[in-house]
């Protein structure tokens, strides 16, 4: 069974309700049709009758709940709650109403906040900022989270046979431009938890660099080694090492030469990138040239399940992220009990 089919199977064990606010994008309906047929989640699509008719095409979305915010029976409650949440920023009821009618992502996130849905998937035709801003304003960071970060689940098929793992977490590939050592340590903790909850294996984290164990000297390398030291101090339960070059992190033969004795080198399944440039370029190279499935950017550290999409995503990618979001919602539900 493939990784994503396993995720779908988990999603079907405890069906969750996922909101799709991008009713203006045909890929939403293509993904909804597949999700509903496979019964991976209950779906809510936000839009007016006119918007749905204009963009649905011939896709069968029977079973999806279509919600027009203007006609929603709890809309006034949403307005009151959003006004309360944003009162320190001077938001009025009129502004709350307008923003939810003009930007369905705000309405979708409010559905999670108010307990009417379990998660949101968006970003096929909106930027990450437009997807995540409402989440941070309404749901905010999870208790104890020092930051919110973004990761990709990478399922690799056409790989060097020396690489023992097929499924990886790449972090941070979506949010934090140039994380400090402290922020990298937090990203590492979150990424290990995400990997273990979704993949079901022990996380082995490699902090990546152009240097392996002191082979180069530079401030960028020092940042990574400082992050590793902090991670060991703050999260001694994590199995991590760095700084490591990518080949040392993944290939046992290279690891034996460059990082002998490392518990992680040659066996890494969670890759912590030194900055957003490296992370974004890295995941797209693996996806576009290596033929990997890339799911994300998925979020971690938010007090709710909201996931972004690459604007280059396919309907199949959306189906996968919907299933992943449903499983994250299951995990969150379990944590709250």
Protein backbone atom coordinates (compact mmCIF):
# COMPACT_ATOMS: atom_id res chain seq x y z
CA UNK A 1 0.00 0.00 0.00
CA UNK A 2 1.33 3.43 -0.91
CA UNK A 3 1.87 6.07 1.75
CA UNK A 4 -1.05 8.24 0.66
CA UNK A 5 -3.40 5.24 0.40
CA UNK A 6 -2.45 4.42 3.98
CA UNK A 7 -3.29 7.99 5.00
CA UNK A 8 -6.67 7.71 3.26
CA UNK A 9 -7.34 4.47 5.09
CA UNK A 10 -6.60 6.20 8.40
CA UNK A 11 -8.85 9.11 7.41
CA UNK A 12 -11.74 6.73 6.82
CA UNK A 13 -11.43 5.27 10.34
CA UNK A 14 -12.83 8.46 11.89
CA UNK A 15 -14.37 10.71 9.26
CA UNK A 16 -13.65 14.41 9.65
CA UNK A 17 -15.19 17.46 8.02
CA UNK A 18 -12.86 19.51 5.83
CA UNK A 19 -13.70 22.92 4.34
CA UNK A 20 -12.69 23.88 0.80
CA UNK A 21 -13.06 27.66 0.38
CA UNK A 22 -11.72 27.91 -3.19
CA UNK A 23 -15.00 27.44 -5.02
CA UNK A 24 -13.62 29.50 -7.90
CA UNK A 25 -11.06 26.82 -8.89
CA UNK A 26 -11.98 23.78 -10.97
CA UNK A 27 -9.39 21.65 -9.16
CA UNK A 28 -11.47 21.99 -5.99
CA UNK A 29 -14.35 20.14 -7.63
CA UNK A 30 -12.14 17.50 -9.23
CA UNK A 31 -10.60 16.80 -5.81
CA UNK A 32 -13.98 16.88 -4.11
CA UNK A 33 -15.38 14.28 -6.51
CA UNK A 34 -12.52 11.87 -5.75
CA UNK A 35 -12.60 12.49 -2.00
CA UNK A 36 -16.34 11.91 -1.80
CA UNK A 37 -16.18 8.73 -3.87
CA UNK A 38 -13.35 7.38 -1.72
CA UNK A 39 -15.12 8.56 1.46
CA UNK A 40 -11.95 10.05 2.92
CA UNK A 41 -13.73 13.03 4.52
CA UNK A 42 -16.96 14.97 4.68
CA UNK A 43 -16.61 18.14 2.62
CA UNK A 44 -17.92 21.68 2.84
CA UNK A 45 -17.47 23.93 -0.19
CA UNK A 46 -17.93 27.66 0.39
CA UNK A 47 -19.63 29.64 -2.33
CA UNK A 48 -22.80 31.10 -3.76
CA UNK A 49 -25.05 29.12 -6.07
CA UNK A 50 -23.80 31.27 -8.95
CA UNK A 51 -20.15 30.62 -8.11
CA UNK A 52 -20.69 26.90 -7.83
CA UNK A 53 -22.58 26.75 -11.14
CA UNK A 54 -19.89 28.80 -12.90
CA UNK A 55 -16.94 26.64 -11.83
CA UNK A 56 -18.19 23.14 -10.97
CA UNK A 57 -18.28 21.85 -14.52
CA UNK A 58 -19.35 18.23 -14.81
CA UNK A 59 -17.79 17.03 -11.59
CA UNK A 60 -20.06 15.04 -9.32
CA UNK A 61 -19.91 16.57 -5.84
CA UNK A 62 -23.03 14.86 -4.54
CA UNK A 63 -22.64 14.61 -0.80
CA UNK A 64 -20.66 17.82 -0.36
CA UNK A 65 -22.31 20.50 1.75
CA UNK A 66 -22.47 23.81 -0.11
CA UNK A 67 -22.52 26.84 2.18
CA UNK A 68 -23.20 30.40 1.11
CA UNK A 69 -22.08 32.53 4.07
CA UNK A 70 -24.91 34.98 3.42
CA UNK A 71 -27.46 32.24 4.09
CA UNK A 72 -25.67 30.42 6.89
CA UNK A 73 -27.77 30.25 10.04
CA UNK A 74 -24.79 30.91 12.33
CA UNK A 75 -23.35 33.79 10.33
CA UNK A 76 -24.30 36.40 12.92
CA UNK A 77 -22.55 34.33 15.60
CA UNK A 78 -19.45 34.19 13.39
CA UNK A 79 -19.56 37.96 12.98
CA UNK A 80 -19.76 38.47 16.73
CA UNK A 81 -16.93 36.02 17.42
CA UNK A 82 -14.59 37.41 14.76
CA UNK A 83 -15.26 40.93 16.02
CA UNK A 84 -14.37 39.79 19.54
CA UNK A 85 -11.20 38.05 18.36
CA UNK A 86 -10.00 41.10 16.42
CA UNK A 87 -11.28 43.87 18.70
CA UNK A 88 -7.72 44.81 19.71
CA UNK A 89 -7.14 45.62 16.03
CA UNK A 90 -10.27 47.77 15.91
CA UNK A 91 -12.42 45.40 13.86
CA UNK A 92 -16.11 46.29 13.71
CA UNK A 93 -19.05 43.99 13.02
CA UNK A 94 -19.41 45.52 9.58
CA UNK A 95 -15.76 44.79 8.80
CA UNK A 96 -16.07 41.24 10.11
CA UNK A 97 -19.08 40.66 7.87
CA UNK A 98 -17.35 42.15 4.83
CA UNK A 99 -14.12 40.20 5.22
CA UNK A 100 -15.92 36.85 5.53
CA UNK A 101 -18.04 37.60 2.47
CA UNK A 102 -15.10 38.81 0.37
CA UNK A 103 -12.51 36.29 1.55
CA UNK A 104 -13.96 32.82 2.08
CA UNK A 105 -10.80 31.71 3.86
CA UNK A 106 -11.84 33.80 6.86
CA UNK A 107 -15.25 32.13 6.88
CA UNK A 108 -13.67 28.68 6.50
CA UNK A 109 -11.30 29.22 9.43
CA UNK A 110 -14.18 30.53 11.52
CA UNK A 111 -15.98 27.25 10.85
CA UNK A 112 -13.08 25.46 12.55
CA UNK A 113 -12.96 28.00 15.37
CA UNK A 114 -16.68 27.59 16.02
CA UNK A 115 -16.57 23.79 15.93
CA UNK A 116 -18.51 23.38 12.68
CA UNK A 117 -15.58 21.81 10.80
CA UNK A 118 -12.35 20.00 11.61
CA UNK A 119 -9.95 21.48 9.08
CA UNK A 120 -9.38 23.67 6.04
CA UNK A 121 -7.47 23.09 2.81
CA UNK A 122 -6.75 26.09 0.58
CA UNK A 123 -4.00 27.69 -1.50
CA UNK A 124 -4.55 26.29 -5.00
CA UNK A 125 -5.25 29.79 -6.28
CA UNK A 126 -4.19 31.91 -3.32
CA UNK A 127 -0.80 32.74 -1.86
CA UNK A 128 0.45 31.14 1.34
CA UNK A 129 0.05 34.51 3.07
CA UNK A 130 -3.62 34.71 2.09
CA UNK A 131 -4.13 31.16 3.31
CA UNK A 132 -2.28 31.44 6.60
CA UNK A 133 -3.06 34.99 7.71
CA UNK A 134 -6.68 34.19 8.70
CA UNK A 135 -5.49 31.06 10.49
CA UNK A 136 -3.01 32.96 12.62
CA UNK A 137 -5.48 35.75 13.34
CA UNK A 138 -8.35 33.46 14.30
CA UNK A 139 -6.93 30.14 15.51
CA UNK A 140 -3.53 31.48 16.61
CA UNK A 141 -0.55 29.37 17.62
CA UNK A 142 -1.10 26.11 19.46
CA UNK A 143 -0.45 26.10 23.22
CA UNK A 144 3.28 25.87 23.81
CA UNK A 145 4.20 26.49 20.17
CA UNK A 146 6.93 29.09 19.76
CA UNK A 147 6.22 29.56 16.07
CA UNK A 148 4.18 28.22 13.17
CA UNK A 149 6.11 26.42 10.45
CA UNK A 150 5.42 24.71 7.16
CA UNK A 151 6.55 21.30 5.97
CA UNK A 152 6.14 19.05 2.96
CA UNK A 153 5.49 15.34 3.05
CA UNK A 154 7.63 13.97 0.24
CA UNK A 155 6.96 10.49 -1.11
CA UNK A 156 9.90 9.54 -3.32
CA UNK A 157 9.79 6.76 -5.89
CA UNK A 158 12.69 7.12 -8.33
CA UNK A 159 15.45 7.06 -5.77
CA UNK A 160 19.04 6.01 -5.36
CA UNK A 161 18.69 2.38 -4.18
CA UNK A 162 21.10 3.18 -1.35
CA UNK A 163 18.45 5.41 0.28
CA UNK A 164 16.53 3.31 2.79
CA UNK A 165 13.53 5.61 3.29
CA UNK A 166 10.83 6.58 0.82
CA UNK A 167 8.75 9.07 2.79
CA UNK A 168 10.27 12.22 4.25
CA UNK A 169 9.34 15.44 5.99
CA UNK A 170 11.08 18.52 4.57
CA UNK A 171 11.00 21.58 6.87
CA UNK A 172 10.64 24.55 6.79
CA UNK A 173 9.66 24.87 3.15
CA UNK A 174 6.80 27.30 3.43
CA UNK A 175 6.92 29.97 6.10
CA UNK A 176 10.07 31.00 7.95
CA UNK A 177 12.51 32.84 5.71
CA UNK A 178 15.70 32.69 7.74
CA UNK A 179 15.04 30.91 11.04
CA UNK A 180 17.32 31.47 14.00
CA UNK A 181 18.89 28.51 15.82
CA UNK A 182 16.10 28.75 18.40
CA UNK A 183 13.46 28.73 15.68
CA UNK A 184 15.16 25.82 13.91
CA UNK A 185 15.03 23.84 17.16
CA UNK A 186 11.28 24.49 17.37
CA UNK A 187 10.81 23.53 13.73
CA UNK A 188 12.71 20.31 14.41
CA UNK A 189 10.49 19.40 17.36
CA UNK A 190 7.32 20.09 15.37
CA UNK A 191 8.61 18.21 12.33
CA UNK A 192 9.50 15.12 14.33
CA UNK A 193 6.01 15.06 15.81
CA UNK A 194 4.42 15.53 12.39
CA UNK A 195 6.50 12.76 10.84
CA UNK A 196 5.77 10.27 13.61
CA UNK A 197 2.03 10.98 13.71
CA UNK A 198 1.60 10.75 9.93
CA UNK A 199 4.20 8.19 8.88
CA UNK A 200 4.21 6.05 12.02
CA UNK A 201 7.99 5.64 12.26
CA UNK A 202 10.63 7.08 14.56
CA UNK A 203 11.87 10.43 13.30
CA UNK A 204 15.58 10.79 12.52
CA UNK A 205 16.38 14.43 11.89
CA UNK A 206 19.22 15.76 9.78
CA UNK A 207 20.03 19.48 9.98
CA UNK A 208 21.26 20.22 6.48
CA UNK A 209 24.15 22.40 5.39
CA UNK A 210 26.83 22.63 2.71
CA UNK A 211 29.15 21.30 5.42
CA UNK A 212 29.35 18.00 7.31
CA UNK A 213 30.72 17.95 10.86
CA UNK A 214 33.05 20.91 10.41
CA UNK A 215 34.17 20.35 6.82
CA UNK A 216 33.53 24.05 6.14
CA UNK A 217 33.61 27.17 8.28
CA UNK A 218 31.00 29.89 7.80
CA UNK A 219 28.40 31.79 9.80
CA UNK A 220 25.68 29.81 7.98
CA UNK A 221 27.24 26.58 9.19
CA UNK A 222 27.53 27.91 12.73
CA UNK A 223 23.82 28.71 12.72
CA UNK A 224 23.04 25.09 11.94
CA UNK A 225 25.42 23.65 14.53
CA UNK A 226 23.97 26.02 17.13
CA UNK A 227 20.49 24.79 16.21
CA UNK A 228 21.58 21.19 16.69
CA UNK A 229 23.08 21.96 20.12
CA UNK A 230 19.88 23.70 21.20
CA UNK A 231 17.74 20.83 19.95
CA UNK A 232 19.77 18.34 21.97
CA UNK A 233 19.43 20.55 25.04
CA UNK A 234 15.74 21.37 24.71
CA UNK A 235 14.49 18.11 23.21
CA UNK A 236 16.84 15.34 24.33
CA UNK A 237 14.34 12.70 23.22
CA UNK A 238 14.82 13.63 19.56
CA UNK A 239 17.25 11.66 17.39
CA UNK A 240 19.05 14.36 15.43
CA UNK A 241 22.44 15.30 14.02
CA UNK A 242 24.10 18.03 12.03
CA UNK A 243 25.43 19.82 10.34
CA UNK A 244 25.14 17.29 7.49
CA UNK A 245 25.37 17.53 3.74
CA UNK A 246 22.44 15.91 1.98
CA UNK A 247 24.37 12.88 0.75
CA UNK A 248 25.75 12.26 4.24
CA UNK A 249 22.23 12.47 5.63
CA UNK A 250 20.78 9.94 3.20
CA UNK A 251 23.46 7.57 1.87
CA UNK A 252 24.97 5.08 4.37
CA UNK A 253 28.20 4.70 2.41
CA UNK A 254 28.75 8.45 2.30
CA UNK A 255 27.74 8.75 5.95
CA UNK A 256 30.33 6.14 6.95
CA UNK A 257 33.02 8.33 5.39
CA UNK A 258 31.79 11.81 6.32
CA UNK A 259 30.00 11.24 9.64
CA UNK A 260 31.13 7.92 11.14
CA UNK A 261 29.28 6.90 14.26
CA UNK A 262 26.26 9.14 13.61
CA UNK A 263 22.91 7.62 14.51
CA UNK A 264 21.22 9.79 11.89
CA UNK A 265 23.67 10.08 8.98
CA UNK A 266 22.70 7.71 6.20
CA UNK A 267 19.28 7.08 7.75
CA UNK A 268 17.57 10.50 7.96
CA UNK A 269 13.85 10.77 7.27
CA UNK A 270 13.26 14.36 8.44
CA UNK A 271 15.32 17.04 6.72
CA UNK A 272 15.65 20.42 8.43
CA UNK A 273 16.70 23.07 5.92
CA UNK A 274 18.76 26.10 6.97
CA UNK A 275 16.43 28.62 5.34
CA UNK A 276 13.34 28.97 3.19
CA UNK A 277 15.29 29.36 -0.05
CA UNK A 278 17.00 25.99 0.43
CA UNK A 279 13.78 24.30 1.55
CA UNK A 280 11.63 25.62 -1.29
CA UNK A 281 14.23 24.86 -3.95
CA UNK A 282 14.95 21.46 -2.44
CA UNK A 283 11.40 20.17 -2.38
CA UNK A 284 10.67 21.43 -5.90
CA UNK A 285 13.80 19.76 -7.29
CA UNK A 286 12.82 16.46 -5.71
CA UNK A 287 9.25 16.84 -6.95
CA UNK A 288 9.84 18.11 -10.47
CA UNK A 289 13.05 16.30 -11.43
CA UNK A 290 12.84 13.32 -9.09
CA UNK A 291 9.17 12.53 -9.62
CA UNK A 292 8.27 12.67 -5.92
CA UNK A 293 4.77 13.27 -4.60
CA UNK A 294 4.82 16.54 -2.64
CA UNK A 295 2.02 17.25 -0.17
CA UNK A 296 1.97 20.72 1.33
CA UNK A 297 3.02 23.11 2.57
CA UNK A 298 1.34 21.55 5.60
CA UNK A 299 1.30 23.62 8.75
CA UNK A 300 2.41 22.78 12.26
CA UNK A 301 2.10 24.90 15.38
CA UNK A 302 -1.40 26.28 14.66
CA UNK A 303 -4.22 25.60 17.14
CA UNK A 304 -6.27 23.91 14.42
CA UNK A 305 -5.84 21.99 11.19
CA UNK A 306 -5.30 24.35 8.27
CA UNK A 307 -3.13 23.35 5.33
CA UNK A 308 -1.81 25.24 2.36
CA UNK A 309 -1.38 24.08 -1.22
CA UNK A 310 1.14 24.94 -3.87
CA UNK A 311 -0.47 26.99 -6.61
CA UNK A 312 1.01 24.43 -9.02
CA UNK A 313 -0.88 21.58 -7.34
CA UNK A 314 -3.01 19.03 -9.14
CA UNK A 315 -6.44 17.78 -8.07
CA UNK A 316 -4.68 14.57 -6.95
CA UNK A 317 -2.44 16.64 -4.68
CA UNK A 318 -5.51 18.29 -3.12
CA UNK A 319 -7.07 14.89 -2.48
CA UNK A 320 -3.93 13.86 -0.63
CA UNK A 321 -3.80 17.01 1.47
CA UNK A 322 -7.48 16.65 2.38
CA UNK A 323 -6.77 13.14 3.69
CA UNK A 324 -3.67 14.32 5.57
CA UNK A 325 -5.66 17.17 7.13
CA UNK A 326 -8.30 14.69 8.25
CA UNK A 327 -5.68 12.53 9.94
CA UNK A 328 -4.14 15.60 11.61
CA UNK A 329 -7.61 16.44 12.92
CA UNK A 330 -7.89 12.93 14.36
CA UNK A 331 -4.54 13.38 16.13
CA UNK A 332 -5.56 16.80 17.46
CA UNK A 333 -8.84 15.38 18.73
CA UNK A 334 -6.91 12.65 20.53
CA UNK A 335 -4.54 15.19 22.09
CA UNK A 336 -7.47 17.19 23.45
CA UNK A 337 -9.08 14.22 25.18
